[in-house]
Amino acid sequence: MALMNSSSDNTLPFMKMHGLGNDFVVVDARAQPIEISPDMAKGIAHRRFGIGFDQLTVISKGTGDAHLTFYNSDGSTSGACGNATRCVARYLLNESGKRDLHLTTDRGDLYAVDAGDGLTSVNMGPPQLAWHEVPLSEEIDTLELPIEGAPTATGMGNPHCTFFVEDATVIPLEEFGPRYEHHPLYPERTNVQVAHLVGPDHVRMRVWERGVGVTLSSGSSSCATAVAAARRGLTGRKVQIDLDGGTLWIDWRKDGVWMTGPTMHVCDGHFTLEFLNSLAKK
């Protein structure tokens, strides 16, 4: 395993951030390229032997203001991570003094704006509604899949499977999530959401993230759930999503699915050379 390039004092700076308890390690690689292997991501993600995260985000130079690359805690990569995008966008907005940003990801071009009152909005792009875009393993109607509970499939740069249930708070996600994350209809695995209506345009939702597990919040899952609810006629296209970690506001507009919510920059730190070398030896 190749060791990450690090700063001149042989340590690697990082930031710890979260969006409603969906937590991230963020590495700024704009000044110097940084190589991260799956094993290294898993080592950093360990909540006893590392720092711990739901996703790791690397900021690098891009065609816009910055390019973002996302790693799950199992070392796999993800094309999108809404809450991490909002967290990094807030950091870059504060750094630059700008009111809006153009970010690039493996999902494509994303745009972020300062929504005021400490909130940050990100356009996560148009939802992917066709079976091959999600992607699914066969041509099928994505509105109601032939799975018990008739969930809805949605792509938001990563695949999603949304179940509308009577009470999302009582579903045992630790058992329910992995059962569907690896369903044969999802060749790339899937994020799993359980949701129920609280009131008009108001949804309660909980999340199992592929490659991570139960998380307190998920931005892309919130977008997918809002899109699924609107497609099924349960809500309009502007929805409040209450998660275990707090509230996000989703607005499915003509130009894409906009997500708005708070962020938190918790602390800054450095990975020591001893720690980095221990990961390189695995």
Protein backbone atom coordinates (compact mmCIF):
# COMPACT_ATOMS: atom_id res chain seq x y z
CA MET A 1 0.00 0.00 0.00
CA ALA A 2 1.39 3.38 -0.96
CA LEU A 3 1.61 5.87 1.86
CA MET A 4 -0.29 9.11 1.44
CA ASN A 5 1.75 12.14 0.57
CA SER A 6 1.67 14.27 3.67
CA SER A 7 2.65 17.70 4.88
CA SER A 8 6.26 18.76 5.35
CA ASP A 9 6.34 17.68 9.00
CA ASN A 10 5.33 14.14 7.97
CA THR A 11 1.82 14.44 9.37
CA LEU A 12 -1.42 14.68 7.44
CA PRO A 13 -3.88 17.47 8.35
CA PHE A 14 -7.58 16.65 8.45
CA MET A 15 -10.85 18.23 9.51
CA LYS A 16 -13.72 16.52 11.34
CA MET A 17 -17.18 17.69 10.29
CA HIS A 18 -20.75 16.49 10.49
CA GLY A 19 -24.13 17.21 8.98
CA LEU A 20 -26.82 16.28 11.52
CA GLY A 21 -24.59 13.59 13.02
CA ASN A 22 -23.59 12.13 9.63
CA ASP A 23 -19.85 12.52 10.30
CA PHE A 24 -16.89 12.99 8.01
CA VAL A 25 -13.13 13.18 7.92
CA VAL A 26 -12.15 15.78 5.33
CA VAL A 27 -8.68 15.99 3.79
CA ASP A 28 -7.70 19.05 1.75
CA ALA A 29 -5.52 17.90 -1.16
CA ARG A 30 -5.69 21.07 -3.25
CA ALA A 31 -2.08 22.04 -2.51
CA GLN A 32 -0.61 18.54 -2.75
CA PRO A 33 -2.12 15.31 -4.18
CA ILE A 34 -2.95 12.66 -1.61
CA GLU A 35 -3.36 8.97 -2.36
CA ILE A 36 -5.91 7.06 -0.31
CA SER A 37 -6.29 3.30 -0.65
CA PRO A 38 -9.34 1.29 0.49
CA ASP A 39 -7.34 -0.18 3.41
CA MET A 40 -6.22 3.27 4.48
CA ALA A 41 -9.77 4.60 4.38
CA LYS A 42 -10.94 1.64 6.49
CA GLY A 43 -8.14 2.25 9.00
CA ILE A 44 -9.00 5.92 9.43
CA ALA A 45 -12.71 5.01 9.68
CA HIS A 46 -12.24 2.66 12.64
CA ARG A 47 -13.82 4.32 15.67
CA ARG A 48 -11.36 2.68 18.10
CA PHE A 49 -8.08 2.43 16.18
CA GLY A 50 -8.62 5.48 13.94
CA ILE A 51 -10.74 8.62 14.03
CA GLY A 52 -14.02 7.25 12.74
CA PHE A 53 -16.32 8.53 10.02
CA ASP A 54 -19.36 7.66 7.94
CA GLN A 55 -17.57 9.03 4.86
CA LEU A 56 -14.11 10.41 4.13
CA THR A 57 -13.97 13.31 1.68
CA VAL A 58 -10.92 14.44 -0.26
CA ILE A 59 -10.94 18.01 -1.63
CA SER A 60 -8.81 18.39 -4.75
CA LYS A 61 -8.46 20.86 -7.59
CA GLY A 62 -11.16 20.64 -10.23
CA THR A 63 -12.61 22.45 -13.19
CA GLY A 64 -14.79 24.43 -10.79
CA ASP A 65 -13.99 25.67 -7.29
CA ALA A 66 -13.00 22.16 -6.13
CA HIS A 67 -13.45 18.45 -6.83
CA LEU A 68 -14.76 16.09 -4.13
CA THR A 69 -14.05 12.36 -3.81
CA PHE A 70 -15.95 10.25 -1.27
CA TYR A 71 -14.97 7.04 0.54
CA ASN A 72 -17.31 4.94 2.68
CA SER A 73 -16.14 3.51 5.99
CA ASP A 74 -15.65 0.07 4.39
CA GLY A 75 -13.12 1.60 1.94
CA SER A 76 -15.45 1.65 -1.06
CA THR A 77 -16.09 4.85 -2.99
CA SER A 78 -19.34 6.69 -3.56
CA GLY A 79 -20.26 9.04 -6.38
CA ALA A 80 -22.23 11.32 -4.08
CA CYS A 81 -22.55 12.32 -0.44
CA GLY A 82 -24.95 15.17 0.15
CA ASN A 83 -24.15 16.05 3.75
CA ALA A 84 -20.39 15.91 3.15
CA THR A 85 -20.86 18.15 0.11
CA ARG A 86 -22.73 20.67 2.25
CA CYS A 87 -20.05 20.55 4.96
CA VAL A 88 -17.21 21.09 2.51
CA ALA A 89 -19.21 23.75 0.68
CA ARG A 90 -19.66 25.69 3.94
CA TYR A 91 -15.91 25.44 4.60
CA LEU A 92 -15.08 26.69 1.08
CA LEU A 93 -17.71 29.45 1.24
CA ASN A 94 -16.22 30.71 4.50
CA GLU A 95 -12.69 30.42 3.13
CA SER A 96 -13.40 32.25 -0.13
CA GLY A 97 -16.04 34.75 0.98
CA LYS A 98 -18.17 33.68 -1.99
CA ARG A 99 -21.94 33.25 -1.91
CA ASP A 100 -22.01 30.32 -4.32
CA LEU A 101 -19.72 27.52 -5.51
CA HIS A 102 -19.28 25.18 -8.46
CA LEU A 103 -18.15 21.75 -7.25
CA THR A 104 -17.39 18.63 -9.27
CA THR A 105 -17.80 15.00 -8.15
CA ASP A 106 -17.96 11.59 -9.79
CA ARG A 107 -21.73 12.29 -9.86
CA GLY A 108 -21.11 15.39 -11.98
CA ASP A 109 -21.33 19.15 -11.41
CA LEU A 110 -22.92 20.31 -8.16
CA TYR A 111 -23.71 23.86 -7.14
CA ALA A 112 -23.81 25.16 -3.57
CA VAL A 113 -25.08 28.43 -2.12
CA ASP A 114 -25.12 30.15 1.25
CA ALA A 115 -28.78 29.88 2.31
CA GLY A 116 -28.39 32.29 5.25
CA ASP A 117 -28.85 31.69 8.98
CA GLY A 118 -25.87 29.30 8.92
CA LEU A 119 -27.60 26.96 6.44
CA THR A 120 -26.04 25.66 3.24
CA SER A 121 -27.89 24.52 0.11
CA VAL A 122 -26.53 22.12 -2.50
CA ASN A 123 -28.09 21.17 -5.81
CA MET A 124 -27.59 17.40 -5.96
CA GLY A 125 -28.59 17.31 -9.62
CA PRO A 126 -31.59 15.67 -11.29
CA PRO A 127 -32.68 12.32 -9.87
CA GLN A 128 -31.98 9.20 -11.93
CA LEU A 129 -35.32 7.47 -12.42
CA ALA A 130 -34.69 4.94 -15.21
CA TRP A 131 -33.77 1.39 -14.15
CA HIS A 132 -30.34 1.48 -15.83
CA GLU A 133 -29.47 4.84 -14.26
CA VAL A 134 -30.10 3.77 -10.63
CA PRO A 135 -28.72 1.17 -11.61
CA LEU A 136 -30.86 -1.96 -11.32
CA SER A 137 -29.93 -5.37 -12.66
CA GLU A 138 -32.95 -5.65 -14.99
CA GLU A 139 -35.41 -3.45 -16.85
CA ILE A 140 -38.18 -2.74 -14.39
CA ASP A 141 -40.47 0.07 -13.17
CA THR A 142 -38.56 1.95 -10.48
CA LEU A 143 -41.68 3.37 -8.82
CA GLU A 144 -42.65 0.11 -7.10
CA LEU A 145 -40.10 -2.68 -7.12
CA PRO A 146 -41.18 -6.34 -6.94
CA ILE A 147 -39.84 -6.58 -3.39
CA GLU A 148 -41.96 -7.06 -0.27
CA GLY A 149 -43.09 -3.56 0.72
CA ALA A 150 -42.93 -2.30 -2.90
CA PRO A 151 -40.05 0.17 -2.35
CA THR A 152 -39.08 2.87 -4.84
CA ALA A 153 -35.68 2.93 -6.56
CA THR A 154 -33.92 6.24 -7.14
CA GLY A 155 -30.45 7.20 -8.26
CA MET A 156 -28.80 10.31 -6.78
CA GLY A 157 -25.29 9.56 -7.98
CA ASN A 158 -25.61 6.47 -5.77
CA PRO A 159 -28.45 3.93 -5.64
CA HIS A 160 -31.36 4.14 -3.19
CA CYS A 161 -34.22 1.89 -2.11
CA THR A 162 -37.01 3.68 -0.20
CA PHE A 163 -39.65 1.84 1.82
CA PHE A 164 -42.74 3.73 2.97
CA VAL A 165 -43.87 2.14 6.23
CA GLU A 166 -46.34 2.76 9.04
CA ASP A 167 -43.70 3.81 11.57
CA ALA A 168 -40.06 4.21 10.52
CA THR A 169 -38.92 4.52 14.13
CA VAL A 170 -39.70 0.89 14.99
CA ILE A 171 -37.98 -0.77 12.01
CA PRO A 172 -34.85 -2.70 13.18
CA LEU A 173 -32.47 -1.14 10.67
CA GLU A 174 -29.50 -3.27 11.75
CA GLU A 175 -31.37 -6.29 10.36
CA PHE A 176 -33.53 -4.63 7.73
CA GLY A 177 -30.80 -2.57 6.03
CA PRO A 178 -28.26 -5.24 5.07
CA ARG A 179 -31.07 -7.51 3.84
CA TYR A 180 -31.83 -5.04 1.04
CA GLU A 181 -28.41 -3.40 0.60
CA HIS A 182 -27.30 -6.64 -1.10
CA HIS A 183 -30.56 -7.38 -2.97
CA PRO A 184 -29.98 -8.95 -6.42
CA LEU A 185 -31.85 -6.08 -8.09
CA TYR A 186 -29.03 -3.73 -7.01
CA PRO A 187 -25.76 -4.81 -8.65
CA GLU A 188 -23.82 -2.00 -6.93
CA ARG A 189 -25.61 -2.50 -3.58
CA THR A 190 -27.94 0.23 -2.34
CA ASN A 191 -28.67 2.71 0.42
CA VAL A 192 -31.89 1.76 2.23
CA GLN A 193 -34.42 4.19 3.68
CA VAL A 194 -37.55 3.61 5.76
CA ALA A 195 -39.98 6.54 5.91
CA HIS A 196 -43.46 7.52 6.97
CA LEU A 197 -45.58 10.65 6.58
CA VAL A 198 -45.80 12.98 9.55
CA GLY A 199 -48.05 15.51 7.85
CA PRO A 200 -48.41 17.35 4.53
CA ASP A 201 -44.97 17.55 2.87
CA HIS A 202 -43.38 16.32 6.09
CA VAL A 203 -41.60 12.95 6.29
CA ARG A 204 -39.83 11.01 9.06
CA MET A 205 -36.99 8.93 7.65
CA ARG A 206 -34.20 6.64 8.85
CA VAL A 207 -31.18 5.39 6.90
CA TRP A 208 -28.99 2.37 6.31
CA GLU A 209 -26.05 3.47 4.12
CA ARG A 210 -24.30 0.95 1.90
CA GLY A 211 -20.75 0.40 3.03
CA VAL A 212 -21.42 2.20 6.32
CA GLY A 213 -24.47 0.96 8.24
CA VAL A 214 -27.01 2.94 10.27
CA THR A 215 -26.33 6.67 10.11
CA LEU A 216 -28.02 9.55 11.91
CA SER A 217 -28.53 11.39 8.64
CA SER A 218 -27.92 11.10 4.90
CA GLY A 219 -28.26 13.90 2.38
CA SER A 220 -28.55 11.81 -0.77
CA SER A 221 -30.99 9.47 1.02
CA SER A 222 -33.12 12.47 2.00
CA CYS A 223 -33.15 13.63 -1.63
CA ALA A 224 -34.08 10.14 -2.85
CA THR A 225 -36.86 9.81 -0.27
CA ALA A 226 -38.33 13.20 -1.18
CA VAL A 227 -38.27 12.30 -4.88
CA ALA A 228 -39.86 8.90 -4.18
CA ALA A 229 -42.60 10.47 -2.01
CA ALA A 230 -43.42 13.04 -4.69
CA ARG A 231 -43.47 10.43 -7.46
CA ARG A 232 -45.88 8.30 -5.45
CA GLY A 233 -48.19 11.27 -4.79
CA LEU A 234 -47.56 11.24 -1.04
CA THR A 235 -46.11 14.76 -0.94
CA GLY A 236 -45.37 17.74 -3.13
CA ARG A 237 -41.88 18.40 -4.45
CA LYS A 238 -40.82 20.54 -1.47
CA VAL A 239 -40.48 18.36 1.63
CA GLN A 240 -39.22 18.53 5.21
CA ILE A 241 -37.28 15.38 6.14
CA ASP A 242 -36.82 14.62 9.85
CA LEU A 243 -33.91 12.21 10.49
CA ASP A 244 -32.45 10.74 13.65
CA GLY A 245 -29.88 13.56 13.68
CA GLY A 246 -32.08 16.52 12.73
CA THR A 247 -33.94 18.10 9.82
CA LEU A 248 -33.17 18.70 6.15
CA TRP A 249 -35.29 20.56 3.63
CA ILE A 250 -35.51 19.10 0.12
CA ASP A 251 -36.82 20.96 -2.94
CA TRP A 252 -37.08 19.03 -6.23
CA ARG A 253 -36.86 21.80 -8.82
CA LYS A 254 -36.50 21.79 -12.60
CA ASP A 255 -32.71 22.16 -12.33
CA GLY A 256 -32.24 19.40 -9.76
CA VAL A 257 -32.88 18.34 -6.17
CA TRP A 258 -31.84 21.07 -3.73
CA MET A 259 -30.96 20.12 -0.16
CA THR A 260 -30.69 22.66 2.65
CA GLY A 261 -29.53 22.18 6.22
CA PRO A 262 -26.97 22.99 8.93
CA THR A 263 -23.34 21.85 9.08
CA MET A 264 -20.71 21.64 11.81
CA HIS A 265 -16.91 21.93 11.59
CA VAL A 266 -15.98 20.12 14.80
CA CYS A 267 -12.17 20.29 14.91
CA ASP A 268 -8.89 20.14 13.01
CA GLY A 269 -6.14 17.59 13.60
CA HIS A 270 -3.15 15.75 12.14
CA PHE A 271 -2.65 12.06 11.47
CA THR A 272 0.80 11.15 12.78
CA LEU A 273 3.45 9.43 10.70
CA GLU A 274 3.32 6.49 13.13
CA PHE A 275 -0.41 6.03 12.45
CA LEU A 276 -0.04 6.42 8.67
CA ASN A 277 2.82 3.91 8.61
CA SER A 278 0.73 1.43 10.61
CA LEU A 279 -1.93 1.57 7.91
CA ALA A 280 0.63 1.26 5.14
CA LYS A 281 1.89 -2.02 6.65
CA LYS A 282 -1.50 -3.73 6.53
